[in-house]
C-alpha cells in the first residue's frame, strides 16, 4: 500500500516538472507565428505587400536572424513556451529593439532589419 502511494506521489511530481511553463521548448516546437509586410499597416489597406509567414521554432531561441526584404510591419498571431519575438532596426539584433504581442501590428517608418526569439 505504501508503495502505491509513494509511486503515485512521485509520478504526480514528475508530471508537474514536465509541465513547467518556464521550461525550454523542444527544438522542433513552433514557438512564434507571425506574418511580415513590406508596408507599414500589416495589410490593413490591402494585402499587396504581404511577404509571408514567419514561423520560429525552439531551436531558434536566442539566434539573431536578418530579414532578407525591407520589412515595415509585423503582426504576431501566436506564441508558445513563454517565448517572445523581438524586432530590431539594424541587421545585427543590437539597435532599435521592439517587442511585439499576440494580435499586435508592430510598424516602423524605416524598416526592421533583424529579429530573434527569446524563450524564458
N, C-alpha and C. Protein backbone atom coordinates (compact mmCIF):
# COMPACT_ATOMS: atom_id res chain seq x y z
N UNK A 1 0.83 -1.19 0.00
CA UNK A 1 0.00 0.00 0.00
C UNK A 1 0.87 1.25 0.00
N UNK A 2 1.92 1.26 0.83
CA UNK A 2 2.79 2.42 0.89
C UNK A 2 3.49 2.63 -0.45
N UNK A 3 3.82 1.52 -1.12
CA UNK A 3 4.48 1.62 -2.42
C UNK A 3 3.58 2.34 -3.43
N UNK A 4 2.29 2.00 -3.44
CA UNK A 4 1.35 2.61 -4.38
C UNK A 4 1.21 4.11 -4.13
N UNK A 5 1.16 4.51 -2.86
CA UNK A 5 1.05 5.92 -2.52
C UNK A 5 2.33 6.65 -2.93
N UNK A 6 3.48 6.07 -2.63
CA UNK A 6 4.75 6.69 -3.00
C UNK A 6 4.89 6.79 -4.51
N UNK A 7 4.51 5.74 -5.22
CA UNK A 7 4.61 5.74 -6.68
C UNK A 7 3.71 6.83 -7.27
N UNK A 8 2.48 6.92 -6.78
CA UNK A 8 1.54 7.93 -7.27
C UNK A 8 2.06 9.34 -6.99
N UNK A 9 2.62 9.56 -5.82
CA UNK A 9 3.17 10.87 -5.46
C UNK A 9 4.33 11.23 -6.36
N UNK A 10 5.25 10.30 -6.57
CA UNK A 10 6.40 10.56 -7.44
C UNK A 10 5.98 10.81 -8.88
N UNK A 11 5.00 10.07 -9.35
CA UNK A 11 4.50 10.27 -10.72
C UNK A 11 3.89 11.66 -10.87
N UNK A 12 3.11 12.08 -9.90
CA UNK A 12 2.49 13.41 -9.95
C UNK A 12 3.55 14.50 -9.93
N UNK A 13 4.58 14.33 -9.11
CA UNK A 13 5.67 15.31 -9.07
C UNK A 13 6.40 15.37 -10.40
N UNK A 14 6.66 14.23 -10.98
CA UNK A 14 7.36 14.19 -12.27
C UNK A 14 6.54 14.86 -13.36
N UNK A 15 5.23 14.66 -13.36
CA UNK A 15 4.38 15.30 -14.36
C UNK A 15 4.35 16.80 -14.15
N UNK A 16 4.40 17.26 -12.93
CA UNK A 16 4.44 18.69 -12.64
C UNK A 16 5.70 19.33 -13.17
N UNK A 17 6.82 18.66 -13.06
CA UNK A 17 8.08 19.17 -13.59
C UNK A 17 8.03 19.23 -15.10
N UNK A 18 7.46 18.20 -15.72
CA UNK A 18 7.38 18.17 -17.19
C UNK A 18 6.46 19.26 -17.72
N UNK A 19 5.48 19.67 -16.94
CA UNK A 19 4.54 20.68 -17.39
C UNK A 19 4.97 22.09 -16.99
N UNK A 20 6.18 22.27 -16.53
CA UNK A 20 6.69 23.57 -16.12
C UNK A 20 6.59 24.56 -17.28
N UNK A 21 5.81 25.65 -17.12
CA UNK A 21 5.65 26.60 -18.22
C UNK A 21 6.93 27.38 -18.53
N UNK A 22 7.92 27.32 -17.67
CA UNK A 22 9.16 28.05 -17.89
C UNK A 22 10.28 27.16 -18.42
N UNK A 23 9.95 25.94 -18.82
CA UNK A 23 10.97 25.06 -19.37
C UNK A 23 11.25 25.45 -20.82
N UNK A 24 12.45 25.16 -21.29
CA UNK A 24 12.84 25.47 -22.66
C UNK A 24 12.01 24.63 -23.63
N UNK A 25 11.65 25.20 -24.77
CA UNK A 25 10.85 24.45 -25.74
C UNK A 25 11.68 23.39 -26.45
N UNK A 26 11.03 22.33 -26.92
CA UNK A 26 11.74 21.35 -27.76
C UNK A 26 12.23 22.05 -29.03
N UNK A 27 13.34 21.60 -29.61
CA UNK A 27 13.91 22.26 -30.79
C UNK A 27 12.94 22.40 -31.96
N UNK A 28 12.07 21.43 -32.17
CA UNK A 28 11.18 21.48 -33.34
C UNK A 28 9.80 22.06 -33.03
N UNK A 29 9.58 22.53 -31.81
CA UNK A 29 8.28 23.10 -31.44
C UNK A 29 8.10 24.48 -32.05
N UNK A 30 6.91 24.76 -32.58
CA UNK A 30 6.58 26.11 -33.06
C UNK A 30 6.40 27.01 -31.84
N UNK A 31 7.16 28.10 -31.77
CA UNK A 31 7.06 29.00 -30.62
C UNK A 31 6.53 30.38 -30.99
N UNK A 32 6.65 30.78 -32.26
CA UNK A 32 6.14 32.07 -32.74
C UNK A 32 5.48 31.89 -34.09
N UNK A 33 4.29 32.47 -34.24
CA UNK A 33 3.60 32.51 -35.54
C UNK A 33 3.32 33.98 -35.85
N UNK A 34 3.88 34.47 -36.95
CA UNK A 34 3.71 35.87 -37.33
C UNK A 34 3.63 35.99 -38.84
N UNK A 35 3.30 37.19 -39.31
CA UNK A 35 3.27 37.49 -40.74
C UNK A 35 4.00 38.82 -40.93
N UNK A 36 4.73 38.93 -42.06
CA UNK A 36 5.54 40.12 -42.32
C UNK A 36 5.05 40.84 -43.58
N UNK A 37 5.20 42.18 -43.57
CA UNK A 37 4.76 43.01 -44.69
C UNK A 37 5.83 44.02 -45.08
N UNK A 38 5.80 44.41 -46.34
CA UNK A 38 6.68 45.45 -46.85
C UNK A 38 6.08 46.83 -46.76
N UNK A 39 4.87 46.95 -46.19
CA UNK A 39 4.29 48.26 -45.91
C UNK A 39 3.98 48.37 -44.42
N UNK A 40 3.57 49.55 -44.00
CA UNK A 40 3.50 49.82 -42.56
C UNK A 40 2.13 49.63 -41.93
N UNK A 41 1.25 48.84 -42.51
CA UNK A 41 -0.06 48.69 -41.87
C UNK A 41 -0.50 47.23 -41.70
N UNK A 42 0.42 46.30 -41.82
CA UNK A 42 0.11 44.86 -41.67
C UNK A 42 -1.03 44.41 -42.57
N UNK A 43 -1.10 44.99 -43.76
CA UNK A 43 -2.11 44.57 -44.72
C UNK A 43 -3.50 45.13 -44.48
N UNK A 44 -3.63 46.14 -43.62
CA UNK A 44 -4.95 46.68 -43.30
C UNK A 44 -5.63 47.33 -44.51
N UNK A 45 -4.86 48.02 -45.35
CA UNK A 45 -5.45 48.70 -46.52
C UNK A 45 -5.59 47.74 -47.69
N UNK A 46 -4.54 46.99 -47.96
CA UNK A 46 -4.58 45.94 -48.98
C UNK A 46 -3.48 44.94 -48.64
N UNK A 47 -3.47 43.85 -49.30
CA UNK A 47 -2.53 42.78 -48.97
C UNK A 47 -1.41 42.66 -50.01
N UNK A 48 -1.17 43.74 -50.75
CA UNK A 48 -0.19 43.71 -51.84
C UNK A 48 1.24 43.46 -51.37
N UNK A 49 1.58 43.92 -50.19
CA UNK A 49 2.96 43.81 -49.70
C UNK A 49 3.12 42.72 -48.65
N UNK A 50 2.25 41.73 -48.70
CA UNK A 50 2.34 40.59 -47.79
C UNK A 50 3.53 39.73 -48.21
N UNK A 51 4.53 39.62 -47.35
CA UNK A 51 5.75 38.88 -47.68
C UNK A 51 5.78 37.48 -47.09
N UNK A 52 4.69 37.06 -46.45
CA UNK A 52 4.60 35.68 -45.98
C UNK A 52 4.61 35.51 -44.48
N UNK A 53 4.63 34.26 -44.10
CA UNK A 53 4.60 33.88 -42.69
C UNK A 53 6.01 33.79 -42.13
N UNK A 54 6.10 34.04 -40.85
CA UNK A 54 7.34 33.86 -40.10
C UNK A 54 7.02 32.90 -38.96
N UNK A 55 7.51 31.68 -39.06
CA UNK A 55 7.30 30.67 -38.02
C UNK A 55 8.65 30.35 -37.41
N UNK A 56 8.75 30.53 -36.10
CA UNK A 56 10.01 30.27 -35.39
C UNK A 56 9.84 29.07 -34.47
N UNK A 57 10.93 28.35 -34.27
CA UNK A 57 10.93 27.10 -33.50
C UNK A 57 11.80 27.22 -32.26
N UNK A 58 11.71 26.25 -31.40
CA UNK A 58 12.52 26.22 -30.19
C UNK A 58 14.01 26.30 -30.48
N UNK A 59 14.44 25.73 -31.59
CA UNK A 59 15.86 25.76 -31.95
C UNK A 59 16.32 27.16 -32.36
N UNK A 60 15.39 28.11 -32.58
CA UNK A 60 15.74 29.49 -32.94
C UNK A 60 15.99 30.36 -31.71
N UNK A 61 15.76 29.85 -30.52
CA UNK A 61 15.88 30.62 -29.29
C UNK A 61 17.25 31.29 -29.19
N UNK A 62 17.23 32.63 -29.09
CA UNK A 62 18.45 33.40 -28.89
C UNK A 62 19.27 33.68 -30.14
N UNK A 63 18.86 33.17 -31.28
CA UNK A 63 19.63 33.36 -32.52
C UNK A 63 19.13 34.60 -33.26
N UNK A 64 20.07 35.46 -33.66
CA UNK A 64 19.73 36.64 -34.44
C UNK A 64 19.60 36.24 -35.91
N UNK A 65 18.51 36.65 -36.54
CA UNK A 65 18.28 36.38 -37.97
C UNK A 65 18.01 37.69 -38.69
N UNK A 66 18.49 37.80 -39.91
CA UNK A 66 18.29 39.00 -40.72
C UNK A 66 17.08 38.82 -41.62
N UNK A 67 16.31 39.89 -41.77
CA UNK A 67 15.25 39.90 -42.77
C UNK A 67 15.90 40.10 -44.13
N UNK A 68 15.45 39.36 -45.13
CA UNK A 68 16.03 39.49 -46.47
C UNK A 68 15.37 40.63 -47.25
N UNK A 69 14.15 41.00 -46.89
CA UNK A 69 13.44 42.10 -47.55
C UNK A 69 13.32 43.27 -46.59
N UNK A 70 12.87 44.41 -47.10
CA UNK A 70 12.62 45.56 -46.25
C UNK A 70 11.26 45.38 -45.58
N UNK A 71 11.29 45.04 -44.32
CA UNK A 71 10.08 44.75 -43.55
C UNK A 71 9.67 46.02 -42.80
N UNK A 72 8.44 46.47 -43.03
CA UNK A 72 7.95 47.67 -42.37
C UNK A 72 6.88 47.39 -41.33
N UNK A 73 6.34 46.18 -41.33
CA UNK A 73 5.38 45.82 -40.28
C UNK A 73 5.34 44.31 -40.08
N UNK A 74 5.05 43.94 -38.84
CA UNK A 74 4.98 42.53 -38.45
C UNK A 74 3.75 42.37 -37.55
N UNK A 75 2.98 41.33 -37.81
CA UNK A 75 1.85 41.00 -36.93
C UNK A 75 2.08 39.62 -36.37
N UNK A 76 2.12 39.55 -35.05
CA UNK A 76 2.29 38.26 -34.37
C UNK A 76 0.92 37.69 -34.06
N UNK A 77 0.72 36.42 -34.41
CA UNK A 77 -0.56 35.77 -34.18
C UNK A 77 -0.57 34.90 -32.94
N UNK A 78 0.55 34.26 -32.65
CA UNK A 78 0.56 33.32 -31.53
C UNK A 78 1.99 33.12 -31.03
N UNK A 79 2.10 32.77 -29.77
CA UNK A 79 3.39 32.40 -29.18
C UNK A 79 3.14 31.23 -28.23
N UNK A 80 4.22 30.52 -27.90
CA UNK A 80 4.10 29.37 -27.00
C UNK A 80 5.39 29.24 -26.21
N UNK A 81 5.38 28.43 -25.17
CA UNK A 81 6.54 28.14 -24.33
C UNK A 81 7.16 29.39 -23.73
N UNK A 82 6.34 30.39 -23.42
CA UNK A 82 6.82 31.62 -22.81
C UNK A 82 7.91 32.29 -23.66
N UNK A 83 7.77 32.21 -24.97
CA UNK A 83 8.73 32.83 -25.89
C UNK A 83 8.15 34.13 -26.43
N UNK A 84 9.03 35.04 -26.83
CA UNK A 84 8.58 36.28 -27.45
C UNK A 84 9.45 36.61 -28.65
N UNK A 85 8.84 37.30 -29.60
CA UNK A 85 9.53 37.77 -30.79
C UNK A 85 10.03 39.17 -30.52
N UNK A 86 11.30 39.43 -30.85
CA UNK A 86 11.90 40.74 -30.69
C UNK A 86 12.39 41.21 -32.05
N UNK A 87 12.00 42.43 -32.44
CA UNK A 87 12.36 43.01 -33.72
C UNK A 87 13.41 44.09 -33.51
N UNK A 88 14.30 44.28 -34.48
CA UNK A 88 15.36 45.28 -34.40
C UNK A 88 15.43 46.07 -35.71
N UNK A 89 15.87 47.33 -35.61
CA UNK A 89 16.03 48.15 -36.80
C UNK A 89 17.31 47.82 -37.56
N UNK A 90 18.34 47.38 -36.87
CA UNK A 90 19.61 47.06 -37.54
C UNK A 90 19.63 45.59 -37.98
N UNK A 91 20.69 45.17 -38.64
CA UNK A 91 20.81 43.80 -39.15
C UNK A 91 21.49 42.84 -38.17
N UNK A 92 21.85 43.34 -36.96
CA UNK A 92 22.62 42.54 -36.01
C UNK A 92 21.96 42.37 -34.65
N UNK A 93 20.67 42.63 -34.56
CA UNK A 93 19.93 42.49 -33.29
C UNK A 93 20.57 43.31 -32.16
N UNK A 94 20.94 44.54 -32.48
CA UNK A 94 21.57 45.41 -31.47
C UNK A 94 20.77 46.69 -31.22
N UNK A 95 20.27 47.34 -32.29
CA UNK A 95 19.65 48.66 -32.14
C UNK A 95 18.17 48.65 -32.55
N UNK A 96 17.42 49.51 -31.86
CA UNK A 96 16.01 49.67 -32.18
C UNK A 96 15.14 48.51 -31.75
N UNK A 97 15.41 47.95 -30.60
CA UNK A 97 14.68 46.77 -30.10
C UNK A 97 13.21 47.09 -29.87
N UNK A 98 12.33 46.24 -30.43
CA UNK A 98 10.89 46.38 -30.27
C UNK A 98 10.27 45.03 -29.96
N UNK A 99 9.53 44.95 -28.86
CA UNK A 99 8.78 43.75 -28.53
C UNK A 99 7.44 43.78 -29.25
N UNK A 100 6.81 42.63 -29.36
CA UNK A 100 5.51 42.53 -30.02
C UNK A 100 4.68 41.48 -29.27
N UNK A 101 3.37 41.70 -29.23
CA UNK A 101 2.45 40.79 -28.54
C UNK A 101 1.51 40.13 -29.54
N UNK A 102 0.85 39.07 -29.12
CA UNK A 102 -0.15 38.40 -29.96
C UNK A 102 -1.24 39.40 -30.37
N UNK A 103 -1.57 39.39 -31.65
CA UNK A 103 -2.61 40.27 -32.17
C UNK A 103 -2.16 41.67 -32.48
N UNK A 104 -0.93 42.01 -32.15
CA UNK A 104 -0.41 43.36 -32.36
C UNK A 104 0.26 43.49 -33.72
N UNK A 105 0.05 44.64 -34.37
CA UNK A 105 0.79 45.00 -35.58
C UNK A 105 1.88 45.98 -35.16
N UNK A 106 3.13 45.58 -35.27
CA UNK A 106 4.26 46.45 -34.93
C UNK A 106 4.76 47.07 -36.24
N UNK A 107 4.66 48.41 -36.31
CA UNK A 107 5.03 49.14 -37.52
C UNK A 107 6.26 50.00 -37.29
N UNK A 108 6.92 50.37 -38.38
CA UNK A 108 8.05 51.29 -38.32
C UNK A 108 8.07 52.14 -39.58
N UNK A 109 8.55 53.37 -39.47
CA UNK A 109 8.66 54.23 -40.64
C UNK A 109 9.86 53.84 -41.50
N UNK A 110 10.90 53.33 -40.85
CA UNK A 110 12.10 52.88 -41.58
C UNK A 110 11.87 51.45 -42.02
N UNK A 111 12.58 50.51 -41.43
CA UNK A 111 12.35 49.08 -41.67
C UNK A 111 12.99 48.29 -40.54
N UNK A 112 12.51 47.07 -40.36
CA UNK A 112 13.12 46.14 -39.41
C UNK A 112 14.18 45.36 -40.16
N UNK A 113 15.39 45.29 -39.59
CA UNK A 113 16.49 44.60 -40.26
C UNK A 113 16.74 43.20 -39.74
N UNK A 114 16.36 42.93 -38.48
CA UNK A 114 16.64 41.62 -37.90
C UNK A 114 15.63 41.30 -36.80
N UNK A 115 15.68 40.06 -36.34
CA UNK A 115 14.75 39.60 -35.31
C UNK A 115 15.37 38.41 -34.59
N UNK A 116 14.81 38.13 -33.42
CA UNK A 116 15.14 36.88 -32.72
C UNK A 116 14.01 36.52 -31.78
N UNK A 117 14.01 35.27 -31.39
CA UNK A 117 13.02 34.79 -30.43
C UNK A 117 13.76 34.57 -29.11
N UNK A 118 13.13 34.98 -28.03
CA UNK A 118 13.70 34.81 -26.69
C UNK A 118 12.72 33.99 -25.86
N UNK A 119 13.19 32.86 -25.37
CA UNK A 119 12.37 31.98 -24.53
C UNK A 119 12.92 32.00 -23.11
N UNK A 120 12.04 32.13 -22.14
CA UNK A 120 12.47 32.17 -20.73
C UNK A 120 12.42 30.80 -20.12
